[in-house]
Structures are given as C-alpha cells and as structure tokens.
C-alpha cells in the first residue's frame, strides 16, 4: 500500500460519507473533517512504513511528509487499539508507528479565570476542543523526570502538549487547597504538578 493509494481510498471514503448526508453544507463539512472511524471495523491489513515522531512530524519510508493537507487527512483516520496505532478506511486497517503520541497540541487560548475558565486547545492537524472532563489533561514524566503532558482528543487518541503550550499552562496555573498547582477549564481542575512546578 503506497501513500498515494491510501490517500485515494480515504478521499473516496470521505466523499461517499458526505453523499450519504447531503442535507446541508454544514453536514458535508462535518463528514469531511470527522469521518466515522469508530464505525469502520476492517481486519488489520498489515504494516505501512509511516512513523509519527515526538514533534508530530509524519514520515513515510524515512522521508518527511510535508503536505499539511495529507497529514491532516491521515490524522483524521487515526485509530488506537491496545496501544497500537492504525490508519483506518472502511475496508483496510494499516498499522503505523508512533514515538510518543499521534497528535500534538500547538496552541491554547483561555477565556475567563478560576473555576469559570475555559481553555481551548488546537492541534497541528486541525483538532479544536475545550479542555474538560471529556478531554482531560494528564501529566506524566519522561525518563529524565521532565513533565510529559497529554490531552485526550478523540476516542482513545491523545495529543502531546507542546513544551511552549505547557509553559503557557504553567503561567495560568493556580494553587488548589491540596497544594497542587493546576489549571481550571470546563469546570474541572487539572493538576500540572504537586507543589511547585519545575519546567
């Protein structure tokens, strides 16, 4: 399976999906941007030589895929299963390699403050969502003890929070009664660190 063949399959699948619900241009736009990956249940077709690195860059056979539209297309059909990642079409399911996380949060905006705050996150492939109970933030640590923040984006897919965005979250952080430091968004308090934050 070549990248071009996979791209053609995905474009055909999205077009077919939009034709099934042509009641409005908004419905078409939604189907084109958010294909029903959770409804596609093909068997595993095999492995395709695609890798996503820590910085959210996509590589095929060692060369970086620099077409942002193609990367966004592939990202829209990502699927996670038992710790493995796949690109899924209605008839095929190809395993890919992911270094850290399949998506990357590259920007965040905050409206309001305290418990009333809402933080909107944006990924480099076009996802936009509010940090809330459905899209929680968790902070792990890498092998050197540095913070490794993740946000749930859709289904069981997580995005790594870019270091610059994490710094921004740290700037917005406030102390909880427990002594934890974190941020409020969507009515939830997300802990960035226990005690002082070292980044």
Protein backbone atom coordinates (compact mmCIF):
# COMPACT_ATOMS: atom_id res chain seq x y z
CA UNK A 1 0.00 0.00 0.00
CA UNK A 2 1.52 3.31 -1.11
CA UNK A 3 0.77 6.70 0.45
CA UNK A 4 -0.93 7.80 -2.79
CA UNK A 5 -3.17 4.72 -2.82
CA UNK A 6 -4.10 5.26 0.82
CA UNK A 7 -4.85 8.93 0.14
CA UNK A 8 -7.14 7.99 -2.77
CA UNK A 9 -9.02 5.47 -0.60
CA UNK A 10 -9.55 7.99 2.17
CA UNK A 11 -10.73 10.73 -0.15
CA UNK A 12 -13.19 8.31 -1.78
CA UNK A 13 -14.47 7.18 1.63
CA UNK A 14 -14.98 10.75 2.80
CA UNK A 15 -16.77 11.73 -0.38
CA UNK A 16 -19.07 8.71 -0.05
CA UNK A 17 -19.78 9.68 3.55
CA UNK A 18 -20.72 13.20 2.56
CA UNK A 19 -23.07 11.90 -0.15
CA UNK A 20 -24.94 9.86 2.47
CA UNK A 21 -25.94 13.05 4.28
CA UNK A 22 -26.33 15.93 1.87
CA UNK A 23 -28.99 17.81 3.78
CA UNK A 24 -26.73 20.80 4.29
CA UNK A 25 -23.31 22.14 3.53
CA UNK A 26 -22.59 22.04 7.28
CA UNK A 27 -23.32 18.30 7.36
CA UNK A 28 -21.00 17.78 4.42
CA UNK A 29 -18.23 19.78 6.02
CA UNK A 30 -18.59 17.80 9.24
CA UNK A 31 -18.39 14.45 7.45
CA UNK A 32 -15.33 15.56 5.51
CA UNK A 33 -13.48 16.69 8.61
CA UNK A 34 -14.64 13.95 11.01
CA UNK A 35 -15.03 10.59 9.27
CA UNK A 36 -16.87 7.90 11.30
CA UNK A 37 -13.72 5.93 12.07
CA UNK A 38 -15.41 4.28 15.07
CA UNK A 39 -17.85 2.61 12.67
CA UNK A 40 -15.19 1.19 10.38
CA UNK A 41 -14.20 -2.32 11.50
CA UNK A 42 -11.94 -3.83 8.82
CA UNK A 43 -9.38 -6.50 9.76
CA UNK A 44 -5.74 -5.50 10.11
CA UNK A 45 -4.23 -5.29 6.63
CA UNK A 46 -0.62 -5.18 7.80
CA UNK A 47 2.05 -2.59 8.48
CA UNK A 48 2.76 0.54 6.47
CA UNK A 49 6.08 2.34 6.88
CA UNK A 50 4.69 5.51 8.45
CA UNK A 51 6.02 6.97 11.70
CA UNK A 52 4.94 9.97 13.78
CA UNK A 53 7.79 11.47 15.79
CA UNK A 54 7.65 13.35 19.09
CA UNK A 55 7.24 16.68 17.29
CA UNK A 56 4.16 15.45 15.41
CA UNK A 57 6.02 15.08 12.11
CA UNK A 58 4.93 12.28 9.81
CA UNK A 59 7.48 10.17 7.92
CA UNK A 60 7.00 7.63 5.16
CA UNK A 61 9.88 5.29 4.34
CA UNK A 62 12.21 7.69 6.17
CA UNK A 63 11.15 10.84 4.32
CA UNK A 64 9.03 13.51 5.97
CA UNK A 65 5.52 14.01 4.60
CA UNK A 66 5.43 17.78 4.19
CA UNK A 67 1.98 18.19 2.60
CA UNK A 68 -0.02 19.54 5.53
CA UNK A 69 -3.32 18.61 3.87
CA UNK A 70 -2.19 14.98 3.52
CA UNK A 71 -1.01 14.85 7.12
CA UNK A 72 -4.37 16.26 8.28
CA UNK A 73 -6.19 13.69 6.14
CA UNK A 74 -4.23 10.82 7.64
CA UNK A 75 -4.64 12.22 11.16
CA UNK A 76 -8.42 12.29 10.70
CA UNK A 77 -8.49 8.49 10.35
CA UNK A 78 -6.13 7.61 13.19
CA UNK A 79 -7.27 4.83 15.49
CA UNK A 80 -5.76 3.39 18.67
CA UNK A 81 -6.23 -0.18 19.81
CA UNK A 82 -4.41 -1.86 22.69
CA UNK A 83 -1.53 0.58 22.50
CA UNK A 84 -1.11 0.25 18.73
CA UNK A 85 -1.97 2.89 16.14
CA UNK A 86 -3.64 2.46 12.77
CA UNK A 87 -4.84 4.36 9.74
CA UNK A 88 -8.32 3.08 9.01
CA UNK A 89 -10.50 3.12 5.91
CA UNK A 90 -13.85 1.34 5.53
CA UNK A 91 -12.04 -1.68 4.04
CA UNK A 92 -8.44 -1.55 5.29
CA UNK A 93 -6.56 -1.00 8.54
CA UNK A 94 -2.82 -0.27 8.43
CA UNK A 95 -0.57 -0.28 11.48
CA UNK A 96 1.81 2.68 11.88
CA UNK A 97 4.50 3.61 14.42
CA UNK A 98 4.15 6.45 16.93
CA UNK A 99 7.11 7.64 19.02
CA UNK A 100 5.19 9.40 21.81
CA UNK A 101 1.69 10.49 20.80
CA UNK A 102 -0.15 10.60 17.47
CA UNK A 103 -1.24 14.23 17.85
CA UNK A 104 0.36 17.45 19.09
CA UNK A 105 -1.26 20.44 20.81
CA UNK A 106 0.46 23.53 19.42
CA UNK A 107 -1.73 26.34 20.75
CA UNK A 108 -4.06 27.10 23.65
CA UNK A 109 -6.33 30.03 24.42
CA UNK A 110 -8.03 30.84 27.71
CA UNK A 111 -11.27 32.68 28.32
CA UNK A 112 -12.18 33.65 31.87
CA UNK A 113 -10.32 32.66 35.01
CA UNK A 114 -10.63 30.45 38.04
CA UNK A 115 -13.39 27.80 38.02
CA UNK A 116 -15.14 29.69 35.20
CA UNK A 117 -12.16 29.42 32.82
CA UNK A 118 -12.29 27.60 29.51
CA UNK A 119 -9.08 26.61 27.74
CA UNK A 120 -9.37 25.81 24.05
CA UNK A 121 -6.66 23.59 22.59
CA UNK A 122 -5.60 23.31 18.97
CA UNK A 123 -3.58 20.50 17.38
CA UNK A 124 -1.25 20.87 14.42
CA UNK A 125 -3.64 18.76 12.33
CA UNK A 126 -6.79 20.83 12.86
CA UNK A 127 -8.45 19.48 16.01
CA UNK A 128 -10.07 22.09 18.26
CA UNK A 129 -11.56 21.26 21.64
CA UNK A 130 -12.08 22.59 25.16
CA UNK A 131 -10.07 21.11 27.99
CA UNK A 132 -12.79 19.45 30.08
CA UNK A 133 -13.98 16.15 31.51
CA UNK A 134 -14.21 14.61 28.03
CA UNK A 135 -10.79 15.99 27.07
CA UNK A 136 -8.73 15.66 30.26
CA UNK A 137 -5.14 16.74 30.77
CA UNK A 138 -2.70 14.36 32.47
CA UNK A 139 0.97 14.93 33.21
CA UNK A 140 3.41 12.03 33.23
CA UNK A 141 7.21 12.20 33.31
CA UNK A 142 9.78 11.15 30.75
CA UNK A 143 12.87 9.05 31.50
CA UNK A 144 14.70 12.13 32.77
CA UNK A 145 11.89 13.27 35.04
CA UNK A 146 10.68 16.09 32.78
CA UNK A 147 6.92 16.70 32.55
CA UNK A 148 5.20 14.88 29.72
CA UNK A 149 1.67 16.35 29.38
CA UNK A 150 -1.05 14.67 27.35
CA UNK A 151 -4.61 15.62 26.43
CA UNK A 152 -7.32 13.23 25.28
CA UNK A 153 -8.53 14.45 21.87
CA UNK A 154 -10.99 11.90 20.50
CA UNK A 155 -11.80 8.24 21.07
CA UNK A 156 -8.65 6.94 22.81
CA UNK A 157 -6.27 9.22 20.93
CA UNK A 158 -4.03 11.51 22.95
CA UNK A 159 -2.04 14.58 21.97
CA UNK A 160 1.27 15.55 23.48
CA UNK A 161 1.18 19.15 24.67
CA UNK A 162 3.99 21.10 23.03
CA UNK A 163 6.52 22.43 25.53
CA UNK A 164 5.68 26.07 24.70
CA UNK A 165 1.99 25.40 25.34
CA UNK A 166 2.82 23.68 28.61
CA UNK A 167 4.75 26.80 29.66
CA UNK A 168 1.59 28.78 28.90
CA UNK A 169 -0.48 26.45 31.10
CA UNK A 170 2.10 26.90 33.86
CA UNK A 171 1.66 30.68 33.57
CA UNK A 172 -2.08 30.20 34.09
CA UNK A 173 -1.65 27.77 36.98
CA UNK A 174 -3.02 28.41 40.44
CA UNK A 175 -2.83 26.53 43.70
CA UNK A 176 -5.55 24.15 44.85
CA UNK A 177 -6.48 23.63 48.50
CA UNK A 178 -4.41 20.42 48.45
CA UNK A 179 -1.29 22.36 47.47
CA UNK A 180 -1.34 21.08 43.88
CA UNK A 181 -0.71 23.51 41.05
CA UNK A 182 -3.01 23.31 38.06
CA UNK A 183 -5.43 24.99 35.71
CA UNK A 184 -9.21 25.29 35.61
CA UNK A 185 -11.12 24.62 32.40
CA UNK A 186 -14.60 23.39 31.59
CA UNK A 187 -15.48 23.17 35.27
CA UNK A 188 -12.58 20.82 36.02
CA UNK A 189 -9.27 21.35 37.78
CA UNK A 190 -6.31 19.72 36.03
CA UNK A 191 -3.20 19.15 38.11
CA UNK A 192 0.08 20.14 36.47
CA UNK A 193 2.28 19.31 39.45
CA UNK A 194 2.16 18.57 43.16
CA UNK A 195 3.64 21.66 44.78
CA UNK A 196 5.92 23.98 42.81
CA UNK A 197 6.17 23.40 39.07
CA UNK A 198 9.65 22.84 37.74
CA UNK A 199 9.94 23.11 33.93
